[in-house]
Amino acid sequence: MADHVDTILAQWKTQRPDLDCSPMAVIGRLVRAKQIVNPKLDSVFKSFELSSVEFDILASMRRFGSPVTPTELYQTLMLSSGAMSTRIDGLVKRGFVERHASETDRRSCTITLTASGTTLIDEVVNAHVENERQMLSSLSLDEQEQLAGLLRKWLIANE
């Protein structure tokens, strides 16, 4: 059984038999996987009226388990401070997070999840994990572990 990348590799083999295109087999599939995965992830977030960035903010706050500063959030999520501030403002307006001024530094604050924010992110994470489970259902648990290990190794070498 062939996939889209196999077709591309076969075309290159015909046109450039001298060129080893084997890296395309991996990188091409990673790119195709991203194109397939992102819309499926976004559909779950949109069903809860969240963007992927808003999901990431709420999920990060839930994982931290304690108040966080905007700086901690934007460093974790690799967003600019301006983008983070805008996203937090929107989440505050929707009642999912609260800002608390620092008692020691007027320029600083912490962000906490509200009860409704915690309830929401718990529901979204449940749906998100089930969505991911469905996307991986064509692989056995052993194959999923093997793929996760290989991707971990690659990420450690490239991040």
C-alpha atoms as a PDB file:
ATOM      1  CA  MET A   1       0.000   0.000   0.000  1.00  0.00           C
ATOM      2  CA  ALA A   2       1.436   3.361  -1.053  1.00  0.00           C
ATOM      3  CA  ASP A   3       0.873   6.821   0.363  1.00  0.00           C
ATOM      4  CA  HIS A   4       1.333  10.275  -1.167  1.00  0.00           C
ATOM      5  CA  VAL A   5       5.004  10.394  -0.193  1.00  0.00           C
ATOM      6  CA  ASP A   6       5.664   7.057  -1.922  1.00  0.00           C
ATOM      7  CA  THR A   7       4.344   8.615  -5.137  1.00  0.00           C
ATOM      8  CA  ILE A   8       6.703  11.571  -4.767  1.00  0.00           C
ATOM      9  CA  LEU A   9       9.672   9.290  -4.038  1.00  0.00           C
ATOM     10  CA  ALA A  10       8.886   7.161  -7.097  1.00  0.00           C
ATOM     11  CA  GLN A  11       8.765  10.270  -9.278  1.00  0.00           C
ATOM     12  CA  TRP A  12      12.145  11.434  -7.981  1.00  0.00           C
ATOM     13  CA  LYS A  13      13.608   7.972  -8.511  1.00  0.00           C
ATOM     14  CA  THR A  14      12.508   8.131 -12.155  1.00  0.00           C
ATOM     15  CA  GLN A  15      13.747  11.673 -12.725  1.00  0.00           C
ATOM     16  CA  ARG A  16      16.866  11.584 -10.532  1.00  0.00           C
ATOM     17  CA  PRO A  17      17.981   7.976  -9.982  1.00  0.00           C
ATOM     18  CA  ASP A  18      21.360   9.340  -8.858  1.00  0.00           C
ATOM     19  CA  LEU A  19      19.831  11.175  -5.861  1.00  0.00           C
ATOM     20  CA  ASP A  20      19.152   9.436  -2.541  1.00  0.00           C
ATOM     21  CA  CYS A  21      15.810  10.941  -1.534  1.00  0.00           C
ATOM     22  CA  SER A  22      15.335   8.740   1.530  1.00  0.00           C
ATOM     23  CA  PRO A  23      15.214  11.765   3.904  1.00  0.00           C
ATOM     24  CA  MET A  24      12.055  12.842   2.069  1.00  0.00           C
ATOM     25  CA  ALA A  25      10.381   9.634   3.233  1.00  0.00           C
ATOM     26  CA  VAL A  26      10.549  10.848   6.839  1.00  0.00           C
ATOM     27  CA  ILE A  27      10.344  14.623   6.517  1.00  0.00           C
ATOM     28  CA  GLY A  28       7.634  14.454   3.869  1.00  0.00           C
ATOM     29  CA  ARG A  29       5.535  12.256   6.110  1.00  0.00           C
ATOM     30  CA  LEU A  30       6.059  14.558   9.082  1.00  0.00           C
ATOM     31  CA  VAL A  31       4.864  17.499   6.984  1.00  0.00           C
ATOM     32  CA  ARG A  32       1.856  15.528   5.697  1.00  0.00           C
ATOM     33  CA  ALA A  33       1.058  14.393   9.246  1.00  0.00           C
ATOM     34  CA  LYS A  34       1.044  18.018  10.432  1.00  0.00           C
ATOM     35  CA  GLN A  35      -1.346  18.930   7.608  1.00  0.00           C
ATOM     36  CA  ILE A  36      -3.683  16.143   8.704  1.00  0.00           C
ATOM     37  CA  VAL A  37      -3.349  16.556  12.484  1.00  0.00           C
ATOM     38  CA  ASN A  38      -3.716  20.331  12.877  1.00  0.00           C
ATOM     39  CA  PRO A  39      -7.235  20.623  11.400  1.00  0.00           C
ATOM     40  CA  LYS A  40      -8.394  17.675  13.514  1.00  0.00           C
ATOM     41  CA  LEU A  41      -6.986  19.283  16.661  1.00  0.00           C
ATOM     42  CA  ASP A  42      -8.470  22.670  15.761  1.00  0.00           C
ATOM     43  CA  SER A  43     -11.928  21.160  15.227  1.00  0.00           C
ATOM     44  CA  VAL A  44     -12.027  19.998  18.852  1.00  0.00           C
ATOM     45  CA  PHE A  45     -10.876  23.380  20.147  1.00  0.00           C
ATOM     46  CA  LYS A  46     -13.400  25.210  17.958  1.00  0.00           C
ATOM     47  CA  SER A  47     -16.199  22.995  19.279  1.00  0.00           C
ATOM     48  CA  PHE A  48     -15.426  24.577  22.671  1.00  0.00           C
ATOM     49  CA  GLU A  49     -15.060  28.062  21.098  1.00  0.00           C
ATOM     50  CA  LEU A  50     -11.309  28.141  21.704  1.00  0.00           C
ATOM     51  CA  SER A  51      -8.377  28.761  19.412  1.00  0.00           C
ATOM     52  CA  SER A  52      -5.376  26.462  19.593  1.00  0.00           C
ATOM     53  CA  VAL A  53      -3.404  29.201  21.376  1.00  0.00           C
ATOM     54  CA  GLU A  54      -6.164  29.688  23.948  1.00  0.00           C
ATOM     55  CA  PHE A  55      -6.228  25.930  24.504  1.00  0.00           C
ATOM     56  CA  ASP A  56      -2.445  25.948  24.986  1.00  0.00           C
ATOM     57  CA  ILE A  57      -2.675  28.780  27.527  1.00  0.00           C
ATOM     58  CA  LEU A  58      -5.449  27.140  29.546  1.00  0.00           C
ATOM     59  CA  ALA A  59      -3.828  23.697  29.365  1.00  0.00           C
ATOM     60  CA  SER A  60      -0.463  25.107  30.455  1.00  0.00           C
ATOM     61  CA  MET A  61      -2.069  26.845  33.395  1.00  0.00           C
ATOM     62  CA  ARG A  62      -3.860  23.632  34.355  1.00  0.00           C
ATOM     63  CA  ARG A  63      -0.598  21.658  34.161  1.00  0.00           C
ATOM     64  CA  PHE A  64       1.260  24.248  36.260  1.00  0.00           C
ATOM     65  CA  GLY A  65      -1.366  23.798  38.984  1.00  0.00           C
ATOM     66  CA  SER A  66      -0.558  27.144  40.582  1.00  0.00           C
ATOM     67  CA  PRO A  67      -0.707  30.823  39.635  1.00  0.00           C
ATOM     68  CA  VAL A  68       1.637  31.737  36.775  1.00  0.00           C
ATOM     69  CA  THR A  69       3.011  34.980  35.462  1.00  0.00           C
ATOM     70  CA  PRO A  70       2.408  36.070  31.871  1.00  0.00           C
ATOM     71  CA  THR A  71       6.181  35.777  31.369  1.00  0.00           C
ATOM     72  CA  GLU A  72       6.169  32.120  32.441  1.00  0.00           C
ATOM     73  CA  LEU A  73       3.315  31.472  30.037  1.00  0.00           C
ATOM     74  CA  TYR A  74       4.790  33.183  27.007  1.00  0.00           C
ATOM     75  CA  GLN A  75       8.170  31.533  27.560  1.00  0.00           C
ATOM     76  CA  THR A  76       6.487  28.128  27.833  1.00  0.00           C
ATOM     77  CA  LEU A  77       4.369  28.718  24.738  1.00  0.00           C
ATOM     78  CA  MET A  78       6.964  30.686  22.750  1.00  0.00           C
ATOM     79  CA  LEU A  79       4.645  33.634  22.129  1.00  0.00           C
ATOM     80  CA  SER A  80       5.561  37.286  22.264  1.00  0.00           C
ATOM     81  CA  SER A  81       4.582  39.155  25.403  1.00  0.00           C
ATOM     82  CA  GLY A  82       2.141  41.286  23.375  1.00  0.00           C
ATOM     83  CA  ALA A  83       0.419  38.260  21.885  1.00  0.00           C
ATOM     84  CA  MET A  84       0.207  36.640  25.310  1.00  0.00           C
ATOM     85  CA  SER A  85      -1.278  39.775  26.867  1.00  0.00           C
ATOM     86  CA  THR A  86      -3.952  39.971  24.150  1.00  0.00           C
ATOM     87  CA  ARG A  87      -4.893  36.294  24.592  1.00  0.00           C
ATOM     88  CA  ILE A  88      -5.026  36.622  28.374  1.00  0.00           C
ATOM     89  CA  ASP A  89      -7.255  39.714  28.052  1.00  0.00           C
ATOM     90  CA  GLY A  90      -9.692  37.689  25.970  1.00  0.00           C
ATOM     91  CA  LEU A  91      -9.693  34.809  28.449  1.00  0.00           C
ATOM     92  CA  VAL A  92     -10.263  37.264  31.333  1.00  0.00           C
ATOM     93  CA  LYS A  93     -13.241  38.812  29.502  1.00  0.00           C
ATOM     94  CA  ARG A  94     -14.718  35.352  28.972  1.00  0.00           C
ATOM     95  CA  GLY A  95     -14.313  34.536  32.680  1.00  0.00           C
ATOM     96  CA  PHE A  96     -11.817  31.674  32.278  1.00  0.00           C
ATOM     97  CA  VAL A  97      -8.838  33.333  33.987  1.00  0.00           C
ATOM     98  CA  GLU A  98      -8.212  36.107  36.487  1.00  0.00           C
ATOM     99  CA  ARG A  99      -5.326  38.516  36.863  1.00  0.00           C
ATOM    100  CA  HIS A 100      -3.999  39.206  40.362  1.00  0.00           C
ATOM    101  CA  ALA A 101      -1.691  42.162  40.950  1.00  0.00           C
ATOM    102  CA  SER A 102       1.602  41.420  42.650  1.00  0.00           C
ATOM    103  CA  GLU A 103       1.865  42.722  46.187  1.00  0.00           C
ATOM    104  CA  THR A 104       5.580  43.423  45.726  1.00  0.00           C
ATOM    105  CA  ASP A 105       5.844  44.684  42.121  1.00  0.00           C
ATOM    106  CA  ARG A 106       3.284  47.024  40.536  1.00  0.00           C
ATOM    107  CA  ARG A 107       4.358  45.932  37.040  1.00  0.00           C
ATOM    108  CA  SER A 108       3.801  42.246  37.702  1.00  0.00           C
ATOM    109  CA  CYS A 109       0.778  40.004  38.109  1.00  0.00           C
ATOM    110  CA  THR A 110      -0.148  36.364  38.265  1.00  0.00           C
ATOM    111  CA  ILE A 111      -2.812  34.596  36.265  1.00  0.00           C
ATOM    112  CA  THR A 112      -5.084  31.895  37.698  1.00  0.00           C
ATOM    113  CA  LEU A 113      -7.795  29.732  36.232  1.00  0.00           C
ATOM    114  CA  THR A 114     -11.299  30.474  37.439  1.00  0.00           C
ATOM    115  CA  ALA A 115     -13.626  27.639  38.396  1.00  0.00           C
ATOM    116  CA  SER A 116     -15.288  27.886  34.980  1.00  0.00           C
ATOM    117  CA  GLY A 117     -11.866  27.953  33.304  1.00  0.00           C
ATOM    118  CA  THR A 118     -10.841  24.794  35.151  1.00  0.00           C
ATOM    119  CA  THR A 119     -14.100  23.065  34.250  1.00  0.00           C
ATOM    120  CA  LEU A 120     -13.725  24.090  30.611  1.00  0.00           C
ATOM    121  CA  ILE A 121     -10.103  23.001  30.205  1.00  0.00           C
ATOM    122  CA  ASP A 122     -10.813  19.677  31.881  1.00  0.00           C
ATOM    123  CA  GLU A 123     -13.627  19.043  29.371  1.00  0.00           C
ATOM    124  CA  VAL A 124     -11.498  20.156  26.424  1.00  0.00           C
ATOM    125  CA  VAL A 125      -8.511  18.045  27.482  1.00  0.00           C
ATOM    126  CA  ASN A 126     -10.760  14.979  27.740  1.00  0.00           C
ATOM    127  CA  ALA A 127     -12.058  15.579  24.205  1.00  0.00           C
ATOM    128  CA  HIS A 128      -8.540  16.420  22.974  1.00  0.00           C
ATOM    129  CA  VAL A 129      -7.028  13.187  24.303  1.00  0.00           C
ATOM    130  CA  GLU A 130      -9.864  11.139  22.817  1.00  0.00           C
ATOM    131  CA  ASN A 131      -9.346  12.900  19.466  1.00  0.00           C
ATOM    132  CA  GLU A 132      -5.637  12.059  19.589  1.00  0.00           C
ATOM    133  CA  ARG A 133      -6.460   8.475  20.538  1.00  0.00           C
ATOM    134  CA  GLN A 134      -8.700   8.217  17.466  1.00  0.00           C
ATOM    135  CA  MET A 135      -5.986   9.646  15.213  1.00  0.00           C
ATOM    136  CA  LEU A 136      -3.543   7.009  16.458  1.00  0.00           C
ATOM    137  CA  SER A 137      -5.984   4.095  16.432  1.00  0.00           C
ATOM    138  CA  SER A 138      -4.427   2.571  13.296  1.00  0.00           C
ATOM    139  CA  LEU A 139      -1.275   1.896  15.349  1.00  0.00           C
ATOM    140  CA  SER A 140      -0.984  -0.666  18.132  1.00  0.00           C
ATOM    141  CA  LEU A 141       0.041   0.572  21.575  1.00  0.00           C
ATOM    142  CA  ASP A 142       3.530  -0.874  20.988  1.00  0.00           C
ATOM    143  CA  GLU A 143       3.777   0.964  17.659  1.00  0.00           C
ATOM    144  CA  GLN A 144       2.638   4.195  19.318  1.00  0.00           C
ATOM    145  CA  GLU A 145       5.343   3.807  21.971  1.00  0.00           C
ATOM    146  CA  GLN A 146       7.957   3.081  19.310  1.00  0.00           C
ATOM    147  CA  LEU A 147       6.913   6.117  17.257  1.00  0.00           C
ATOM    148  CA  ALA A 148       6.894   8.324  20.367  1.00  0.00           C
ATOM    149  CA  GLY A 149      10.395   7.122  21.256  1.00  0.00           C
ATOM    150  CA  LEU A 150      11.749   7.771  17.773  1.00  0.00           C
ATOM    151  CA  LEU A 151      10.197  11.238  17.657  1.00  0.00           C
ATOM    152  CA  ARG A 152      11.575  11.999  21.142  1.00  0.00           C
ATOM    153  CA  LYS A 153      15.057  11.021  19.979  1.00  0.00           C
ATOM    154  CA  TRP A 154      14.728  13.205  16.870  1.00  0.00           C
ATOM    155  CA  LEU A 155      13.380  16.168  18.839  1.00  0.00           C
ATOM    156  CA  ILE A 156      16.165  15.970  21.440  1.00  0.00           C
ATOM    157  CA  ALA A 157      18.717  16.111  18.636  1.00  0.00           C
ATOM    158  CA  ASN A 158      16.987  18.968  16.784  1.00  0.00           C
ATOM    159  CA  GLU A 159      15.390  21.269  19.362  1.00  0.00           C
END
